[in-house]
């Protein structure tokens, strides 16, 4: 190879590496990233609706540049308990949250049995799930196993 061909090859490789890096960087910065946090035993001061109540506060925060339409928020329970959603949100769901904005869910702790909750969750308009785990991995796996076992049993009864 001659000297100009070697220089051309080096520049081509450099351009390919640089463009690959730029595409990867854009992919990772432009994707949706939502963080869900749950705080228990909170108390709200100055609001007569929640005076003297122990609360659970769930925050759904958009950490990325891309706006996200949050459709609903709630909790998935361990099998065989039923799941639930939260109606009291600020701002009211469904809503769009842009970069750095958040949705706050406020619930009275009184009616929630934390031992039956598998994870706290939020869903967006594309049906993507954002969650924070409450139960241990063992309880989660045992619940999923029981749920699948019950599903297979029902499907077998239907086919017979």
C-alpha atoms as a PDB file:
ATOM      1  CA  UNK A   1       0.000   0.000   0.000  1.00  0.00           C
ATOM      2  CA  UNK A   2       1.166   3.495  -0.715  1.00  0.00           C
ATOM      3  CA  UNK A   3       1.302   6.268   1.813  1.00  0.00           C
ATOM      4  CA  UNK A   4      -1.860   8.099   0.547  1.00  0.00           C
ATOM      5  CA  UNK A   5      -3.858   4.837   0.685  1.00  0.00           C
ATOM      6  CA  UNK A   6      -2.793   4.252   4.305  1.00  0.00           C
ATOM      7  CA  UNK A   7      -3.809   7.787   5.271  1.00  0.00           C
ATOM      8  CA  UNK A   8      -7.152   7.306   3.499  1.00  0.00           C
ATOM      9  CA  UNK A   9      -7.761   4.059   5.417  1.00  0.00           C
ATOM     10  CA  UNK A  10      -6.919   5.720   8.751  1.00  0.00           C
ATOM     11  CA  UNK A  11      -9.301   8.618   8.049  1.00  0.00           C
ATOM     12  CA  UNK A  12     -12.053   6.182   7.003  1.00  0.00           C
ATOM     13  CA  UNK A  13     -11.669   4.099  10.174  1.00  0.00           C
ATOM     14  CA  UNK A  14     -11.597   7.261  12.314  1.00  0.00           C
ATOM     15  CA  UNK A  15     -14.812   8.518  10.644  1.00  0.00           C
ATOM     16  CA  UNK A  16     -16.548   5.170  11.129  1.00  0.00           C
ATOM     17  CA  UNK A  17     -15.628   5.020  14.827  1.00  0.00           C
ATOM     18  CA  UNK A  18     -16.646   8.638  15.399  1.00  0.00           C
ATOM     19  CA  UNK A  19     -20.022   8.253  13.681  1.00  0.00           C
ATOM     20  CA  UNK A  20     -20.733   5.007  15.567  1.00  0.00           C
ATOM     21  CA  UNK A  21     -19.963   6.777  18.840  1.00  0.00           C
ATOM     22  CA  UNK A  22     -22.257   9.694  17.905  1.00  0.00           C
ATOM     23  CA  UNK A  23     -25.157   7.380  16.998  1.00  0.00           C
ATOM     24  CA  UNK A  24     -24.769   5.396  20.230  1.00  0.00           C
ATOM     25  CA  UNK A  25     -24.617   8.575  22.293  1.00  0.00           C
ATOM     26  CA  UNK A  26     -27.776   9.915  20.671  1.00  0.00           C
ATOM     27  CA  UNK A  27     -29.570   6.590  21.194  1.00  0.00           C
ATOM     28  CA  UNK A  28     -28.784   6.490  24.899  1.00  0.00           C
ATOM     29  CA  UNK A  29     -29.588  10.152  25.567  1.00  0.00           C
ATOM     30  CA  UNK A  30     -32.835  10.211  23.558  1.00  0.00           C
ATOM     31  CA  UNK A  31     -34.468   7.124  25.038  1.00  0.00           C
ATOM     32  CA  UNK A  32     -37.216   7.241  27.643  1.00  0.00           C
ATOM     33  CA  UNK A  33     -36.062   7.032  31.254  1.00  0.00           C
ATOM     34  CA  UNK A  34     -38.571   7.188  34.083  1.00  0.00           C
ATOM     35  CA  UNK A  35     -37.811   6.709  37.777  1.00  0.00           C
ATOM     36  CA  UNK A  36     -40.451   5.571  40.259  1.00  0.00           C
ATOM     37  CA  UNK A  37     -39.912   6.167  43.986  1.00  0.00           C
ATOM     38  CA  UNK A  38     -42.174   5.252  46.894  1.00  0.00           C
ATOM     39  CA  UNK A  39     -41.992   6.754  50.367  1.00  0.00           C
ATOM     40  CA  UNK A  40     -44.016   5.286  53.212  1.00  0.00           C
ATOM     41  CA  UNK A  41     -45.129   6.758  56.549  1.00  0.00           C
ATOM     42  CA  UNK A  42     -45.136  10.324  55.270  1.00  0.00           C
ATOM     43  CA  UNK A  43     -47.237  13.103  56.744  1.00  0.00           C
ATOM     44  CA  UNK A  44     -48.587  16.115  54.854  1.00  0.00           C
ATOM     45  CA  UNK A  45     -48.716  19.410  56.719  1.00  0.00           C
ATOM     46  CA  UNK A  46     -51.107  22.198  55.756  1.00  0.00           C
ATOM     47  CA  UNK A  47     -53.638  20.121  53.801  1.00  0.00           C
ATOM     48  CA  UNK A  48     -56.831  19.395  55.789  1.00  0.00           C
ATOM     49  CA  UNK A  49     -57.641  16.362  53.589  1.00  0.00           C
ATOM     50  CA  UNK A  50     -54.594  14.527  54.949  1.00  0.00           C
ATOM     51  CA  UNK A  51     -54.427  15.934  58.487  1.00  0.00           C
ATOM     52  CA  UNK A  52     -53.304  13.262  60.970  1.00  0.00           C
ATOM     53  CA  UNK A  53     -52.964  10.550  58.322  1.00  0.00           C
ATOM     54  CA  UNK A  54     -49.956   8.406  57.542  1.00  0.00           C
ATOM     55  CA  UNK A  55     -49.431   8.512  53.776  1.00  0.00           C
ATOM     56  CA  UNK A  56     -47.685   6.664  50.993  1.00  0.00           C
ATOM     57  CA  UNK A  57     -46.263   9.042  48.394  1.00  0.00           C
ATOM     58  CA  UNK A  58     -45.249   7.720  44.986  1.00  0.00           C
ATOM     59  CA  UNK A  59     -43.339   9.909  42.531  1.00  0.00           C
ATOM     60  CA  UNK A  60     -42.942   9.201  38.817  1.00  0.00           C
ATOM     61  CA  UNK A  61     -40.144  11.380  37.383  1.00  0.00           C
ATOM     62  CA  UNK A  62     -39.083  11.787  33.753  1.00  0.00           C
ATOM     63  CA  UNK A  63     -35.262  11.804  33.684  1.00  0.00           C
ATOM     64  CA  UNK A  64     -34.851  11.932  29.895  1.00  0.00           C
ATOM     65  CA  UNK A  65     -35.321  14.622  27.266  1.00  0.00           C
ATOM     66  CA  UNK A  66     -38.164  12.838  25.511  1.00  0.00           C
ATOM     67  CA  UNK A  67     -41.669  13.573  26.902  1.00  0.00           C
ATOM     68  CA  UNK A  68     -43.607  10.637  28.355  1.00  0.00           C
ATOM     69  CA  UNK A  69     -47.379  10.220  28.612  1.00  0.00           C
ATOM     70  CA  UNK A  70     -48.076   8.499  31.949  1.00  0.00           C
ATOM     71  CA  UNK A  71     -51.383   6.684  31.689  1.00  0.00           C
ATOM     72  CA  UNK A  72     -51.860   5.098  35.117  1.00  0.00           C
ATOM     73  CA  UNK A  73     -50.090   4.291  38.380  1.00  0.00           C
ATOM     74  CA  UNK A  74     -50.720   1.589  40.940  1.00  0.00           C
ATOM     75  CA  UNK A  75     -49.422  -1.560  42.568  1.00  0.00           C
ATOM     76  CA  UNK A  76     -49.152  -5.151  41.398  1.00  0.00           C
ATOM     77  CA  UNK A  77     -49.850  -7.589  44.182  1.00  0.00           C
ATOM     78  CA  UNK A  78     -48.582 -11.081  44.798  1.00  0.00           C
ATOM     79  CA  UNK A  79     -50.791 -13.856  43.447  1.00  0.00           C
ATOM     80  CA  UNK A  80     -53.792 -14.428  44.242  1.00  0.00           C
ATOM     81  CA  UNK A  81     -54.448 -10.840  45.428  1.00  0.00           C
ATOM     82  CA  UNK A  82     -55.966  -8.263  43.080  1.00  0.00           C
ATOM     83  CA  UNK A  83     -53.979  -5.306  41.762  1.00  0.00           C
ATOM     84  CA  UNK A  84     -54.988  -1.698  42.326  1.00  0.00           C
ATOM     85  CA  UNK A  85     -54.523   1.761  40.812  1.00  0.00           C
ATOM     86  CA  UNK A  86     -54.341   5.194  42.424  1.00  0.00           C
ATOM     87  CA  UNK A  87     -56.990   7.780  41.532  1.00  0.00           C
ATOM     88  CA  UNK A  88     -55.510  10.738  43.497  1.00  0.00           C
ATOM     89  CA  UNK A  89     -52.604  12.053  41.387  1.00  0.00           C
ATOM     90  CA  UNK A  90     -51.142  15.483  40.799  1.00  0.00           C
ATOM     91  CA  UNK A  91     -51.440  16.316  37.933  1.00  0.00           C
ATOM     92  CA  UNK A  92     -54.393  14.116  37.071  1.00  0.00           C
ATOM     93  CA  UNK A  93     -53.575  11.068  34.939  1.00  0.00           C
ATOM     94  CA  UNK A  94     -53.242  10.556  32.016  1.00  0.00           C
ATOM     95  CA  UNK A  95     -50.768  13.388  31.490  1.00  0.00           C
ATOM     96  CA  UNK A  96     -47.553  14.229  29.664  1.00  0.00           C
ATOM     97  CA  UNK A  97     -44.423  14.821  31.690  1.00  0.00           C
ATOM     98  CA  UNK A  98     -41.437  16.474  30.060  1.00  0.00           C
ATOM     99  CA  UNK A  99     -37.800  16.473  31.178  1.00  0.00           C
ATOM    100  CA  UNK A 100     -37.518  16.923  34.946  1.00  0.00           C
ATOM    101  CA  UNK A 101     -41.291  17.000  35.547  1.00  0.00           C
ATOM    102  CA  UNK A 102     -43.067  14.487  37.756  1.00  0.00           C
ATOM    103  CA  UNK A 103     -46.375  13.032  38.841  1.00  0.00           C
ATOM    104  CA  UNK A 104     -47.117  12.631  42.539  1.00  0.00           C
ATOM    105  CA  UNK A 105     -49.487  10.004  43.913  1.00  0.00           C
ATOM    106  CA  UNK A 106     -50.780  10.407  47.468  1.00  0.00           C
ATOM    107  CA  UNK A 107     -52.511   7.488  49.218  1.00  0.00           C
ATOM    108  CA  UNK A 108     -53.620   6.885  52.793  1.00  0.00           C
ATOM    109  CA  UNK A 109     -51.440   4.121  54.282  1.00  0.00           C
ATOM    110  CA  UNK A 110     -54.392   2.769  56.268  1.00  0.00           C
ATOM    111  CA  UNK A 111     -55.873   0.491  53.599  1.00  0.00           C
ATOM    112  CA  UNK A 112     -52.644  -0.880  52.112  1.00  0.00           C
ATOM    113  CA  UNK A 113     -51.224  -4.263  53.098  1.00  0.00           C
ATOM    114  CA  UNK A 114     -47.541  -3.977  52.147  1.00  0.00           C
ATOM    115  CA  UNK A 115     -46.942  -7.696  52.645  1.00  0.00           C
ATOM    116  CA  UNK A 116     -49.076  -8.472  49.575  1.00  0.00           C
ATOM    117  CA  UNK A 117     -47.473  -5.928  47.198  1.00  0.00           C
ATOM    118  CA  UNK A 118     -45.056  -7.307  44.605  1.00  0.00           C
ATOM    119  CA  UNK A 119     -44.088  -3.969  43.043  1.00  0.00           C
ATOM    120  CA  UNK A 120     -45.270  -0.378  42.588  1.00  0.00           C
ATOM    121  CA  UNK A 121     -45.777   0.503  38.938  1.00  0.00           C
ATOM    122  CA  UNK A 122     -46.544   3.184  36.377  1.00  0.00           C
ATOM    123  CA  UNK A 123     -47.541   2.642  32.744  1.00  0.00           C
ATOM    124  CA  UNK A 124     -47.110   5.024  29.837  1.00  0.00           C
ATOM    125  CA  UNK A 125     -49.148   5.413  26.657  1.00  0.00           C
ATOM    126  CA  UNK A 126     -46.986   2.798  24.876  1.00  0.00           C
ATOM    127  CA  UNK A 127     -47.775   0.315  27.671  1.00  0.00           C
ATOM    128  CA  UNK A 128     -44.198   0.358  28.974  1.00  0.00           C
ATOM    129  CA  UNK A 129     -43.903  -0.550  32.626  1.00  0.00           C
ATOM    130  CA  UNK A 130     -41.817   1.427  35.124  1.00  0.00           C
ATOM    131  CA  UNK A 131     -41.605  -0.192  38.529  1.00  0.00           C
ATOM    132  CA  UNK A 132     -39.944  -0.379  41.917  1.00  0.00           C
ATOM    133  CA  UNK A 133     -39.943  -3.722  43.699  1.00  0.00           C
ATOM    134  CA  UNK A 134     -41.537  -4.120  47.136  1.00  0.00           C
ATOM    135  CA  UNK A 135     -41.466  -7.901  47.661  1.00  0.00           C
ATOM    136  CA  UNK A 136     -38.345 -10.031  47.810  1.00  0.00           C
ATOM    137  CA  UNK A 137     -37.239 -11.870  44.678  1.00  0.00           C
ATOM    138  CA  UNK A 138     -38.217 -15.188  46.287  1.00  0.00           C
ATOM    139  CA  UNK A 139     -41.793 -14.034  46.958  1.00  0.00           C
ATOM    140  CA  UNK A 140     -41.971 -12.623  43.425  1.00  0.00           C
ATOM    141  CA  UNK A 141     -40.842 -15.892  41.815  1.00  0.00           C
ATOM    142  CA  UNK A 142     -43.162 -17.969  43.983  1.00  0.00           C
ATOM    143  CA  UNK A 143     -46.087 -15.716  43.067  1.00  0.00           C
ATOM    144  CA  UNK A 144     -45.299 -15.920  39.331  1.00  0.00           C
ATOM    145  CA  UNK A 145     -44.995 -19.713  39.556  1.00  0.00           C
ATOM    146  CA  UNK A 146     -48.393 -20.000  41.262  1.00  0.00           C
ATOM    147  CA  UNK A 147     -49.964 -17.636  38.743  1.00  0.00           C
ATOM    148  CA  UNK A 148     -48.641 -19.641  35.777  1.00  0.00           C
ATOM    149  CA  UNK A 149     -49.704 -22.901  37.406  1.00  0.00           C
ATOM    150  CA  UNK A 150     -53.252 -21.594  37.872  1.00  0.00           C
ATOM    151  CA  UNK A 151     -53.321 -20.301  34.289  1.00  0.00           C
ATOM    152  CA  UNK A 152     -52.261 -23.700  32.910  1.00  0.00           C
ATOM    153  CA  UNK A 153     -54.885 -25.412  35.049  1.00  0.00           C
ATOM    154  CA  UNK A 154     -57.651 -23.127  33.735  1.00  0.00           C
ATOM    155  CA  UNK A 155     -56.472 -23.526  30.148  1.00  0.00           C
ATOM    156  CA  UNK A 156     -56.475 -27.317  30.559  1.00  0.00           C
ATOM    157  CA  UNK A 157     -60.058 -27.213  31.878  1.00  0.00           C
ATOM    158  CA  UNK A 158     -61.172 -25.134  28.912  1.00  0.00           C
ATOM    159  CA  UNK A 159     -59.615 -27.470  26.351  1.00  0.00           C
ATOM    160  CA  UNK A 160     -61.117 -30.614  27.953  1.00  0.00           C
END
